[in-house]
mmCIF file of all heavy atoms, coordinates in Angstrom:
data_MODEL
# 
_entry.id   MODEL 
# 
loop_
_atom_site.group_PDB 
_atom_site.id 
_atom_site.type_symbol 
_atom_site.label_atom_id 
_atom_site.label_alt_id 
_atom_site.label_comp_id 
_atom_site.label_asym_id 
_atom_site.label_entity_id 
_atom_site.label_seq_id 
_atom_site.pdbx_PDB_ins_code 
_atom_site.Cartn_x 
_atom_site.Cartn_y 
_atom_site.Cartn_z 
_atom_site.occupancy 
_atom_site.B_iso_or_equiv 
_atom_site.pdbx_formal_charge 
_atom_site.auth_seq_id 
_atom_site.auth_comp_id 
_atom_site.auth_asym_id 
_atom_site.auth_atom_id 
_atom_site.pdbx_PDB_model_num 
ATOM 1   N N   . TYR A 1 1  ? -3.783  7.332   2.269  1.00 0.00 ? 1  TYR A N   1 
ATOM 2   C CA  . TYR A 1 1  ? -2.379  7.370   2.732  1.00 0.00 ? 1  TYR A CA  1 
ATOM 3   C C   . TYR A 1 1  ? -2.309  7.630   4.183  1.00 0.00 ? 1  TYR A C   1 
ATOM 4   O O   . TYR A 1 1  ? -2.930  8.541   4.765  1.00 0.00 ? 1  TYR A O   1 
ATOM 5   C CB  . TYR A 1 1  ? -1.594  8.453   1.955  1.00 0.00 ? 1  TYR A CB  1 
ATOM 6   C CG  . TYR A 1 1  ? -0.181  8.278   2.089  1.00 0.00 ? 1  TYR A CG  1 
ATOM 7   C CD1 . TYR A 1 1  ? 0.656   7.509   1.206  1.00 0.00 ? 1  TYR A CD1 1 
ATOM 8   C CD2 . TYR A 1 1  ? 0.526   8.976   3.150  1.00 0.00 ? 1  TYR A CD2 1 
ATOM 9   C CE1 . TYR A 1 1  ? 2.010   7.444   1.388  1.00 0.00 ? 1  TYR A CE1 1 
ATOM 10  C CE2 . TYR A 1 1  ? 1.903   8.853   3.340  1.00 0.00 ? 1  TYR A CE2 1 
ATOM 11  C CZ  . TYR A 1 1  ? 2.597   7.988   2.442  1.00 0.00 ? 1  TYR A CZ  1 
ATOM 12  O OH  . TYR A 1 1  ? 4.028   7.947   2.533  1.00 0.00 ? 1  TYR A OH  1 
ATOM 13  N N   . ARG A 1 2  ? -1.443  6.897   4.840  1.00 0.00 ? 2  ARG A N   1 
ATOM 14  C CA  . ARG A 1 2  ? -1.182  7.104   6.280  1.00 0.00 ? 2  ARG A CA  1 
ATOM 15  C C   . ARG A 1 2  ? 0.350   6.872   6.512  1.00 0.00 ? 2  ARG A C   1 
ATOM 16  O O   . ARG A 1 2  ? 0.926   5.975   6.061  1.00 0.00 ? 2  ARG A O   1 
ATOM 17  C CB  . ARG A 1 2  ? -2.008  6.089   7.088  1.00 0.00 ? 2  ARG A CB  1 
ATOM 18  C CG  . ARG A 1 2  ? -1.835  6.299   8.651  1.00 0.00 ? 2  ARG A CG  1 
ATOM 19  C CD  . ARG A 1 2  ? -2.791  5.611   9.469  1.00 0.00 ? 2  ARG A CD  1 
ATOM 20  N NE  . ARG A 1 2  ? -4.131  6.084   9.290  1.00 0.00 ? 2  ARG A NE  1 
ATOM 21  C CZ  . ARG A 1 2  ? -5.199  5.491   9.878  1.00 0.00 ? 2  ARG A CZ  1 
ATOM 22  N NH1 . ARG A 1 2  ? -4.997  4.395   10.642 1.00 0.00 ? 2  ARG A NH1 1 
ATOM 23  N NH2 . ARG A 1 2  ? -6.402  5.878   9.668  1.00 0.00 ? 2  ARG A NH2 1 
ATOM 24  N N   . GLU A 1 3  ? 0.862   7.897   7.273  1.00 0.00 ? 3  GLU A N   1 
ATOM 25  C CA  . GLU A 1 3  ? 2.343   7.883   7.541  1.00 0.00 ? 3  GLU A CA  1 
ATOM 26  C C   . GLU A 1 3  ? 2.739   6.509   8.008  1.00 0.00 ? 3  GLU A C   1 
ATOM 27  O O   . GLU A 1 3  ? 2.198   5.881   8.890  1.00 0.00 ? 3  GLU A O   1 
ATOM 28  C CB  . GLU A 1 3  ? 2.640   8.966   8.622  1.00 0.00 ? 3  GLU A CB  1 
ATOM 29  C CG  . GLU A 1 3  ? 4.196   9.148   8.877  1.00 0.00 ? 3  GLU A CG  1 
ATOM 30  C CD  . GLU A 1 3  ? 4.768   9.837   7.654  1.00 0.00 ? 3  GLU A CD  1 
ATOM 31  O OE1 . GLU A 1 3  ? 4.191   10.424  6.868  1.00 0.00 ? 3  GLU A OE1 1 
ATOM 32  O OE2 . GLU A 1 3  ? 6.006   9.548   7.527  1.00 0.00 ? 3  GLU A OE2 1 
ATOM 33  N N   . GLY A 1 4  ? 3.897   5.995   7.484  1.00 0.00 ? 4  GLY A N   1 
ATOM 34  C CA  . GLY A 1 4  ? 4.411   4.717   7.851  1.00 0.00 ? 4  GLY A CA  1 
ATOM 35  C C   . GLY A 1 4  ? 3.774   3.609   7.008  1.00 0.00 ? 4  GLY A C   1 
ATOM 36  O O   . GLY A 1 4  ? 4.511   2.807   6.375  1.00 0.00 ? 4  GLY A O   1 
ATOM 37  N N   . TYR A 1 5  ? 2.460   3.559   7.058  1.00 0.00 ? 5  TYR A N   1 
ATOM 38  C CA  . TYR A 1 5  ? 1.726   2.566   6.318  1.00 0.00 ? 5  TYR A CA  1 
ATOM 39  C C   . TYR A 1 5  ? 1.733   2.732   4.803  1.00 0.00 ? 5  TYR A C   1 
ATOM 40  O O   . TYR A 1 5  ? 1.606   1.771   4.035  1.00 0.00 ? 5  TYR A O   1 
ATOM 41  C CB  . TYR A 1 5  ? 0.263   2.411   6.779  1.00 0.00 ? 5  TYR A CB  1 
ATOM 42  C CG  . TYR A 1 5  ? 0.067   1.779   8.098  1.00 0.00 ? 5  TYR A CG  1 
ATOM 43  C CD1 . TYR A 1 5  ? -0.349  2.483   9.204  1.00 0.00 ? 5  TYR A CD1 1 
ATOM 44  C CD2 . TYR A 1 5  ? 0.090   0.337   8.140  1.00 0.00 ? 5  TYR A CD2 1 
ATOM 45  C CE1 . TYR A 1 5  ? -0.580  1.831   10.433 1.00 0.00 ? 5  TYR A CE1 1 
ATOM 46  C CE2 . TYR A 1 5  ? -0.170  -0.295  9.265  1.00 0.00 ? 5  TYR A CE2 1 
ATOM 47  C CZ  . TYR A 1 5  ? -0.523  0.441   10.476 1.00 0.00 ? 5  TYR A CZ  1 
ATOM 48  O OH  . TYR A 1 5  ? -0.807  -0.135  11.718 1.00 0.00 ? 5  TYR A OH  1 
ATOM 49  N N   . GLY A 1 6  ? 1.942   3.925   4.374  1.00 0.00 ? 6  GLY A N   1 
ATOM 50  C CA  . GLY A 1 6  ? 1.772   4.301   2.936  1.00 0.00 ? 6  GLY A CA  1 
ATOM 51  C C   . GLY A 1 6  ? 0.274   4.156   2.595  1.00 0.00 ? 6  GLY A C   1 
ATOM 52  O O   . GLY A 1 6  ? -0.582  4.501   3.357  1.00 0.00 ? 6  GLY A O   1 
ATOM 53  N N   . ASN A 1 7  ? 0.024   3.756   1.348  1.00 0.00 ? 7  ASN A N   1 
ATOM 54  C CA  . ASN A 1 7  ? -1.292  3.569   0.972  1.00 0.00 ? 7  ASN A CA  1 
ATOM 55  C C   . ASN A 1 7  ? -1.907  2.369   1.708  1.00 0.00 ? 7  ASN A C   1 
ATOM 56  O O   . ASN A 1 7  ? -1.318  1.300   1.633  1.00 0.00 ? 7  ASN A O   1 
ATOM 57  C CB  . ASN A 1 7  ? -1.413  3.275   -0.583 1.00 0.00 ? 7  ASN A CB  1 
ATOM 58  C CG  . ASN A 1 7  ? -1.088  4.478   -1.378 1.00 0.00 ? 7  ASN A CG  1 
ATOM 59  O OD1 . ASN A 1 7  ? -1.417  5.709   -0.935 1.00 0.00 ? 7  ASN A OD1 1 
ATOM 60  N ND2 . ASN A 1 7  ? -0.488  4.426   -2.550 1.00 0.00 ? 7  ASN A ND2 1 
ATOM 61  N N   . LEU A 1 8  ? -3.054  2.644   2.406  1.00 0.00 ? 8  LEU A N   1 
ATOM 62  C CA  . LEU A 1 8  ? -3.607  1.669   3.375  1.00 0.00 ? 8  LEU A CA  1 
ATOM 63  C C   . LEU A 1 8  ? -5.050  1.439   3.160  1.00 0.00 ? 8  LEU A C   1 
ATOM 64  O O   . LEU A 1 8  ? -5.795  2.386   2.933  1.00 0.00 ? 8  LEU A O   1 
ATOM 65  C CB  . LEU A 1 8  ? -3.323  2.172   4.793  1.00 0.00 ? 8  LEU A CB  1 
ATOM 66  C CG  . LEU A 1 8  ? -3.995  1.512   5.893  1.00 0.00 ? 8  LEU A CG  1 
ATOM 67  C CD1 . LEU A 1 8  ? -3.310  0.145   6.216  1.00 0.00 ? 8  LEU A CD1 1 
ATOM 68  C CD2 . LEU A 1 8  ? -3.798  2.412   7.234  1.00 0.00 ? 8  LEU A CD2 1 
ATOM 69  N N   . VAL A 1 9  ? -5.510  0.252   3.403  1.00 0.00 ? 9  VAL A N   1 
ATOM 70  C CA  . VAL A 1 9  ? -6.895  -0.129  3.410  1.00 0.00 ? 9  VAL A CA  1 
ATOM 71  C C   . VAL A 1 9  ? -7.209  -0.771  4.743  1.00 0.00 ? 9  VAL A C   1 
ATOM 72  O O   . VAL A 1 9  ? -6.481  -1.724  5.117  1.00 0.00 ? 9  VAL A O   1 
ATOM 73  C CB  . VAL A 1 9  ? -7.371  -1.051  2.297  1.00 0.00 ? 9  VAL A CB  1 
ATOM 74  C CG1 . VAL A 1 9  ? -8.802  -1.531  2.526  1.00 0.00 ? 9  VAL A CG1 1 
ATOM 75  C CG2 . VAL A 1 9  ? -7.195  -0.304  0.843  1.00 0.00 ? 9  VAL A CG2 1 
ATOM 76  N N   . VAL A 1 10 ? -8.096  -0.345  5.470  1.00 0.00 ? 10 VAL A N   1 
ATOM 77  C CA  . VAL A 1 10 ? -8.538  -0.867  6.824  1.00 0.00 ? 10 VAL A CA  1 
ATOM 78  C C   . VAL A 1 10 ? -9.978  -1.416  6.644  1.00 0.00 ? 10 VAL A C   1 
ATOM 79  O O   . VAL A 1 10 ? -10.838 -0.624  6.214  1.00 0.00 ? 10 VAL A O   1 
ATOM 80  C CB  . VAL A 1 10 ? -8.399  0.079   7.909  1.00 0.00 ? 10 VAL A CB  1 
ATOM 81  C CG1 . VAL A 1 10 ? -8.908  -0.476  9.248  1.00 0.00 ? 10 VAL A CG1 1 
ATOM 82  C CG2 . VAL A 1 10 ? -7.075  0.657   7.982  1.00 0.00 ? 10 VAL A CG2 1 
ATOM 83  N N   . VAL A 1 11 ? -10.168 -2.645  6.969  1.00 0.00 ? 11 VAL A N   1 
ATOM 84  C CA  . VAL A 1 11 ? -11.507 -3.199  6.800  1.00 0.00 ? 11 VAL A CA  1 
ATOM 85  C C   . VAL A 1 11 ? -11.993 -3.666  8.278  1.00 0.00 ? 11 VAL A C   1 
ATOM 86  O O   . VAL A 1 11 ? -11.279 -4.385  8.943  1.00 0.00 ? 11 VAL A O   1 
ATOM 87  C CB  . VAL A 1 11 ? -11.529 -4.435  5.875  1.00 0.00 ? 11 VAL A CB  1 
ATOM 88  C CG1 . VAL A 1 11 ? -12.968 -5.110  5.776  1.00 0.00 ? 11 VAL A CG1 1 
ATOM 89  C CG2 . VAL A 1 11 ? -11.122 -4.022  4.500  1.00 0.00 ? 11 VAL A CG2 1 
ATOM 90  N N   . ASN A 1 12 ? -13.128 -3.232  8.591  1.00 0.00 ? 12 ASN A N   1 
ATOM 91  C CA  . ASN A 1 12 ? -13.717 -3.570  9.875  1.00 0.00 ? 12 ASN A CA  1 
ATOM 92  C C   . ASN A 1 12 ? -14.668 -4.814  9.541  1.00 0.00 ? 12 ASN A C   1 
ATOM 93  O O   . ASN A 1 12 ? -15.543 -4.822  8.673  1.00 0.00 ? 12 ASN A O   1 
ATOM 94  C CB  . ASN A 1 12 ? -14.545 -2.548  10.507 1.00 0.00 ? 12 ASN A CB  1 
ATOM 95  C CG  . ASN A 1 12 ? -13.624 -1.516  11.199 1.00 0.00 ? 12 ASN A CG  1 
ATOM 96  O OD1 . ASN A 1 12 ? -12.361 -1.732  11.327 1.00 0.00 ? 12 ASN A OD1 1 
ATOM 97  N ND2 . ASN A 1 12 ? -14.226 -0.415  11.604 1.00 0.00 ? 12 ASN A ND2 1 
ATOM 98  N N   . HIS A 1 13 ? -14.519 -5.820  10.436 1.00 0.00 ? 13 HIS A N   1 
ATOM 99  C CA  . HIS A 1 13 ? -15.298 -7.113  10.313 1.00 0.00 ? 13 HIS A CA  1 
ATOM 100 C C   . HIS A 1 13 ? -16.296 -7.324  11.489 1.00 0.00 ? 13 HIS A C   1 
ATOM 101 O O   . HIS A 1 13 ? -16.208 -6.525  12.416 1.00 0.00 ? 13 HIS A O   1 
ATOM 102 C CB  . HIS A 1 13 ? -14.479 -8.270  10.156 1.00 0.00 ? 13 HIS A CB  1 
ATOM 103 C CG  . HIS A 1 13 ? -13.379 -8.175  9.015  1.00 0.00 ? 13 HIS A CG  1 
ATOM 104 N ND1 . HIS A 1 13 ? -13.686 -8.530  7.742  1.00 0.00 ? 13 HIS A ND1 1 
ATOM 105 C CD2 . HIS A 1 13 ? -12.132 -7.752  9.090  1.00 0.00 ? 13 HIS A CD2 1 
ATOM 106 C CE1 . HIS A 1 13 ? -12.488 -8.264  7.064  1.00 0.00 ? 13 HIS A CE1 1 
ATOM 107 N NE2 . HIS A 1 13 ? -11.540 -7.815  7.779  1.00 0.00 ? 13 HIS A NE2 1 
ATOM 108 N N   . ALA A 1 14 ? -16.991 -8.303  11.473 1.00 0.00 ? 14 ALA A N   1 
ATOM 109 C CA  . ALA A 1 14 ? -17.957 -8.653  12.509 1.00 0.00 ? 14 ALA A CA  1 
ATOM 110 C C   . ALA A 1 14 ? -17.017 -9.096  13.701 1.00 0.00 ? 14 ALA A C   1 
ATOM 111 O O   . ALA A 1 14 ? -15.917 -9.380  13.608 1.00 0.00 ? 14 ALA A O   1 
ATOM 112 C CB  . ALA A 1 14 ? -18.955 -9.723  12.102 1.00 0.00 ? 14 ALA A CB  1 
ATOM 113 N N   . GLN A 1 15 ? -17.761 -9.170  14.944 1.00 0.00 ? 15 GLN A N   1 
ATOM 114 C CA  . GLN A 1 15 ? -17.171 -9.671  16.115 1.00 0.00 ? 15 GLN A CA  1 
ATOM 115 C C   . GLN A 1 15 ? -15.908 -8.902  16.570 1.00 0.00 ? 15 GLN A C   1 
ATOM 116 O O   . GLN A 1 15 ? -14.986 -9.419  17.188 1.00 0.00 ? 15 GLN A O   1 
ATOM 117 C CB  . GLN A 1 15 ? -16.848 -11.148 15.943 1.00 0.00 ? 15 GLN A CB  1 
ATOM 118 C CG  . GLN A 1 15 ? -17.988 -12.017 15.678 1.00 0.00 ? 15 GLN A CG  1 
ATOM 119 C CD  . GLN A 1 15 ? -17.652 -13.508 15.560 1.00 0.00 ? 15 GLN A CD  1 
ATOM 120 O OE1 . GLN A 1 15 ? -16.753 -13.963 16.138 1.00 0.00 ? 15 GLN A OE1 1 
ATOM 121 N NE2 . GLN A 1 15 ? -18.461 -14.182 14.697 1.00 0.00 ? 15 GLN A NE2 1 
ATOM 122 N N   . GLY A 1 16 ? -15.947 -7.605  16.276 1.00 0.00 ? 16 GLY A N   1 
ATOM 123 C CA  . GLY A 1 16 ? -14.813 -6.779  16.694 1.00 0.00 ? 16 GLY A CA  1 
ATOM 124 C C   . GLY A 1 16 ? -13.417 -6.978  16.145 1.00 0.00 ? 16 GLY A C   1 
ATOM 125 O O   . GLY A 1 16 ? -12.445 -6.689  16.742 1.00 0.00 ? 16 GLY A O   1 
ATOM 126 N N   . LYS A 1 17 ? -13.373 -7.461  14.794 1.00 0.00 ? 17 LYS A N   1 
ATOM 127 C CA  . LYS A 1 17 ? -12.215 -7.765  14.230 1.00 0.00 ? 17 LYS A CA  1 
ATOM 128 C C   . LYS A 1 17 ? -11.910 -6.752  13.080 1.00 0.00 ? 17 LYS A C   1 
ATOM 129 O O   . LYS A 1 17 ? -12.846 -6.181  12.488 1.00 0.00 ? 17 LYS A O   1 
ATOM 130 C CB  . LYS A 1 17 ? -12.218 -9.074  13.507 1.00 0.00 ? 17 LYS A CB  1 
ATOM 131 C CG  . LYS A 1 17 ? -12.233 -10.233 14.521 1.00 0.00 ? 17 LYS A CG  1 
ATOM 132 C CD  . LYS A 1 17 ? -10.944 -10.373 15.241 1.00 0.00 ? 17 LYS A CD  1 
ATOM 133 C CE  . LYS A 1 17 ? -10.905 -11.538 16.214 1.00 0.00 ? 17 LYS A CE  1 
ATOM 134 N NZ  . LYS A 1 17 ? -9.668  -11.740 17.007 1.00 0.00 ? 17 LYS A NZ  1 
ATOM 135 N N   . GLN A 1 18 ? -10.649 -6.471  12.826 1.00 0.00 ? 18 GLN A N   1 
ATOM 136 C CA  . GLN A 1 18 ? -10.197 -5.583  11.812 1.00 0.00 ? 18 GLN A CA  1 
ATOM 137 C C   . GLN A 1 18 ? -8.985  -6.052  11.114 1.00 0.00 ? 18 GLN A C   1 
ATOM 138 O O   . GLN A 1 18 ? -8.103  -6.670  11.745 1.00 0.00 ? 18 GLN A O   1 
ATOM 139 C CB  . GLN A 1 18 ? -9.808  -4.206  12.489 1.00 0.00 ? 18 GLN A CB  1 
ATOM 140 C CG  . GLN A 1 18 ? -9.458  -3.137  11.524 1.00 0.00 ? 18 GLN A CG  1 
ATOM 141 C CD  . GLN A 1 18 ? -9.089  -1.843  12.248 1.00 0.00 ? 18 GLN A CD  1 
ATOM 142 O OE1 . GLN A 1 18 ? -7.874  -1.658  12.631 1.00 0.00 ? 18 GLN A OE1 1 
ATOM 143 N NE2 . GLN A 1 18 ? -9.973  -0.937  12.409 1.00 0.00 ? 18 GLN A NE2 1 
ATOM 144 N N   . THR A 1 19 ? -8.852  -5.806  9.872  1.00 0.00 ? 19 THR A N   1 
ATOM 145 C CA  . THR A 1 19 ? -7.713  -6.234  9.086  1.00 0.00 ? 19 THR A CA  1 
ATOM 146 C C   . THR A 1 19 ? -7.129  -4.920  8.351  1.00 0.00 ? 19 THR A C   1 
ATOM 147 O O   . THR A 1 19 ? -7.933  -3.967  7.980  1.00 0.00 ? 19 THR A O   1 
ATOM 148 C CB  . THR A 1 19 ? -7.975  -7.247  8.023  1.00 0.00 ? 19 THR A CB  1 
ATOM 149 O OG1 . THR A 1 19 ? -9.076  -6.921  7.213  1.00 0.00 ? 19 THR A OG1 1 
ATOM 150 C CG2 . THR A 1 19 ? -8.219  -8.622  8.628  1.00 0.00 ? 19 THR A CG2 1 
ATOM 151 N N   . ARG A 1 20 ? -5.745  -4.973  8.201  1.00 0.00 ? 20 ARG A N   1 
ATOM 152 C CA  . ARG A 1 20 ? -5.099  -3.770  7.594  1.00 0.00 ? 20 ARG A CA  1 
ATOM 153 C C   . ARG A 1 20 ? -4.256  -4.297  6.486  1.00 0.00 ? 20 ARG A C   1 
ATOM 154 O O   . ARG A 1 20 ? -3.510  -5.256  6.694  1.00 0.00 ? 20 ARG A O   1 
ATOM 155 C CB  . ARG A 1 20 ? -4.366  -2.973  8.644  1.00 0.00 ? 20 ARG A CB  1 
ATOM 156 C CG  . ARG A 1 20 ? -5.235  -2.394  9.779  1.00 0.00 ? 20 ARG A CG  1 
ATOM 157 C CD  . ARG A 1 20 ? -4.498  -1.515  10.668 1.00 0.00 ? 20 ARG A CD  1 
ATOM 158 N NE  . ARG A 1 20 ? -5.266  -1.077  11.705 1.00 0.00 ? 20 ARG A NE  1 
ATOM 159 C CZ  . ARG A 1 20 ? -4.933  -0.135  12.673 1.00 0.00 ? 20 ARG A CZ  1 
ATOM 160 N NH1 . ARG A 1 20 ? -3.758  0.486   12.553 1.00 0.00 ? 20 ARG A NH1 1 
ATOM 161 N NH2 . ARG A 1 20 ? -5.806  0.253   13.567 1.00 0.00 ? 20 ARG A NH2 1 
ATOM 162 N N   . TYR A 1 21 ? -4.202  -3.545  5.414  1.00 0.00 ? 21 TYR A N   1 
ATOM 163 C CA  . TYR A 1 21 ? -3.452  -3.991  4.224  1.00 0.00 ? 21 TYR A CA  1 
ATOM 164 C C   . TYR A 1 21 ? -2.610  -2.675  3.853  1.00 0.00 ? 21 TYR A C   1 
ATOM 165 O O   . TYR A 1 21 ? -3.165  -1.771  3.390  1.00 0.00 ? 21 TYR A O   1 
ATOM 166 C CB  . TYR A 1 21 ? -4.344  -4.428  3.067  1.00 0.00 ? 21 TYR A CB  1 
ATOM 167 C CG  . TYR A 1 21 ? -5.398  -5.402  3.466  1.00 0.00 ? 21 TYR A CG  1 
ATOM 168 C CD1 . TYR A 1 21 ? -6.496  -4.867  4.233  1.00 0.00 ? 21 TYR A CD1 1 
ATOM 169 C CD2 . TYR A 1 21 ? -5.373  -6.716  3.184  1.00 0.00 ? 21 TYR A CD2 1 
ATOM 170 C CE1 . TYR A 1 21 ? -7.547  -5.795  4.547  1.00 0.00 ? 21 TYR A CE1 1 
ATOM 171 C CE2 . TYR A 1 21 ? -6.347  -7.592  3.557  1.00 0.00 ? 21 TYR A CE2 1 
ATOM 172 C CZ  . TYR A 1 21 ? -7.410  -7.143  4.246  1.00 0.00 ? 21 TYR A CZ  1 
ATOM 173 O OH  . TYR A 1 21 ? -8.430  -8.022  4.728  1.00 0.00 ? 21 TYR A OH  1 
ATOM 174 N N   . ALA A 1 22 ? -1.224  -2.812  3.906  1.00 0.00 ? 22 ALA A N   1 
ATOM 175 C CA  . ALA A 1 22 ? -0.419  -1.578  3.794  1.00 0.00 ? 22 ALA A CA  1 
ATOM 176 C C   . ALA A 1 22 ? 0.579   -1.727  2.700  1.00 0.00 ? 22 ALA A C   1 
ATOM 177 O O   . ALA A 1 22 ? 1.013   -2.795  2.216  1.00 0.00 ? 22 ALA A O   1 
ATOM 178 C CB  . ALA A 1 22 ? 0.210   -1.226  5.204  1.00 0.00 ? 22 ALA A CB  1 
ATOM 179 N N   . HIS A 1 23 ? 1.239   -0.483  2.465  1.00 0.00 ? 23 HIS A N   1 
ATOM 180 C CA  . HIS A 1 23 ? 2.360   -0.264  1.525  1.00 0.00 ? 23 HIS A CA  1 
ATOM 181 C C   . HIS A 1 23 ? 1.900   -0.482  0.082  1.00 0.00 ? 23 HIS A C   1 
ATOM 182 O O   . HIS A 1 23 ? 2.587   -0.872  -0.798 1.00 0.00 ? 23 HIS A O   1 
ATOM 183 C CB  . HIS A 1 23 ? 3.541   -1.285  1.830  1.00 0.00 ? 23 HIS A CB  1 
ATOM 184 C CG  . HIS A 1 23 ? 4.131   -1.037  3.148  1.00 0.00 ? 23 HIS A CG  1 
ATOM 185 N ND1 . HIS A 1 23 ? 4.301   0.174   3.789  1.00 0.00 ? 23 HIS A ND1 1 
ATOM 186 C CD2 . HIS A 1 23 ? 4.565   -2.000  3.987  1.00 0.00 ? 23 HIS A CD2 1 
ATOM 187 C CE1 . HIS A 1 23 ? 4.763   -0.047  4.974  1.00 0.00 ? 23 HIS A CE1 1 
ATOM 188 N NE2 . HIS A 1 23 ? 4.964   -1.292  5.114  1.00 0.00 ? 23 HIS A NE2 1 
ATOM 189 N N   . LEU A 1 24 ? 0.463   -0.280  -0.134 1.00 0.00 ? 24 LEU A N   1 
ATOM 190 C CA  . LEU A 1 24 ? -0.027  -0.528  -1.429 1.00 0.00 ? 24 LEU A CA  1 
ATOM 191 C C   . LEU A 1 24 ? 0.382   0.448   -2.506 1.00 0.00 ? 24 LEU A C   1 
ATOM 192 O O   . LEU A 1 24 ? 0.630   1.572   -2.251 1.00 0.00 ? 24 LEU A O   1 
ATOM 193 C CB  . LEU A 1 24 ? -1.528  -0.499  -1.285 1.00 0.00 ? 24 LEU A CB  1 
ATOM 194 C CG  . LEU A 1 24 ? -2.215  -1.411  -0.309 1.00 0.00 ? 24 LEU A CG  1 
ATOM 195 C CD1 . LEU A 1 24 ? -3.720  -1.332  -0.324 1.00 0.00 ? 24 LEU A CD1 1 
ATOM 196 C CD2 . LEU A 1 24 ? -1.828  -2.903  -0.466 1.00 0.00 ? 24 LEU A CD2 1 
ATOM 197 N N   . LEU A 1 25 ? 0.455   -0.040  -3.665 1.00 0.00 ? 25 LEU A N   1 
ATOM 198 C CA  . LEU A 1 25 ? 0.840   0.751   -4.927 1.00 0.00 ? 25 LEU A CA  1 
ATOM 199 C C   . LEU A 1 25 ? -0.386  1.751   -5.081 1.00 0.00 ? 25 LEU A C   1 
ATOM 200 O O   . LEU A 1 25 ? -0.169  2.947   -5.299 1.00 0.00 ? 25 LEU A O   1 
ATOM 201 C CB  . LEU A 1 25 ? 1.034   -0.040  -6.072 1.00 0.00 ? 25 LEU A CB  1 
ATOM 202 C CG  . LEU A 1 25 ? 1.299   0.708   -7.368 1.00 0.00 ? 25 LEU A CG  1 
ATOM 203 C CD1 . LEU A 1 25 ? 2.539   1.416   -7.431 1.00 0.00 ? 25 LEU A CD1 1 
ATOM 204 C CD2 . LEU A 1 25 ? 1.247   -0.266  -8.618 1.00 0.00 ? 25 LEU A CD2 1 
# 
């Protein structure tokens, strides 16, 4: 859990990329 985002998953990928998935149940 992170303020604002709610339940959140952050994934780090190759080549300095990141994706975020927020407001999850």
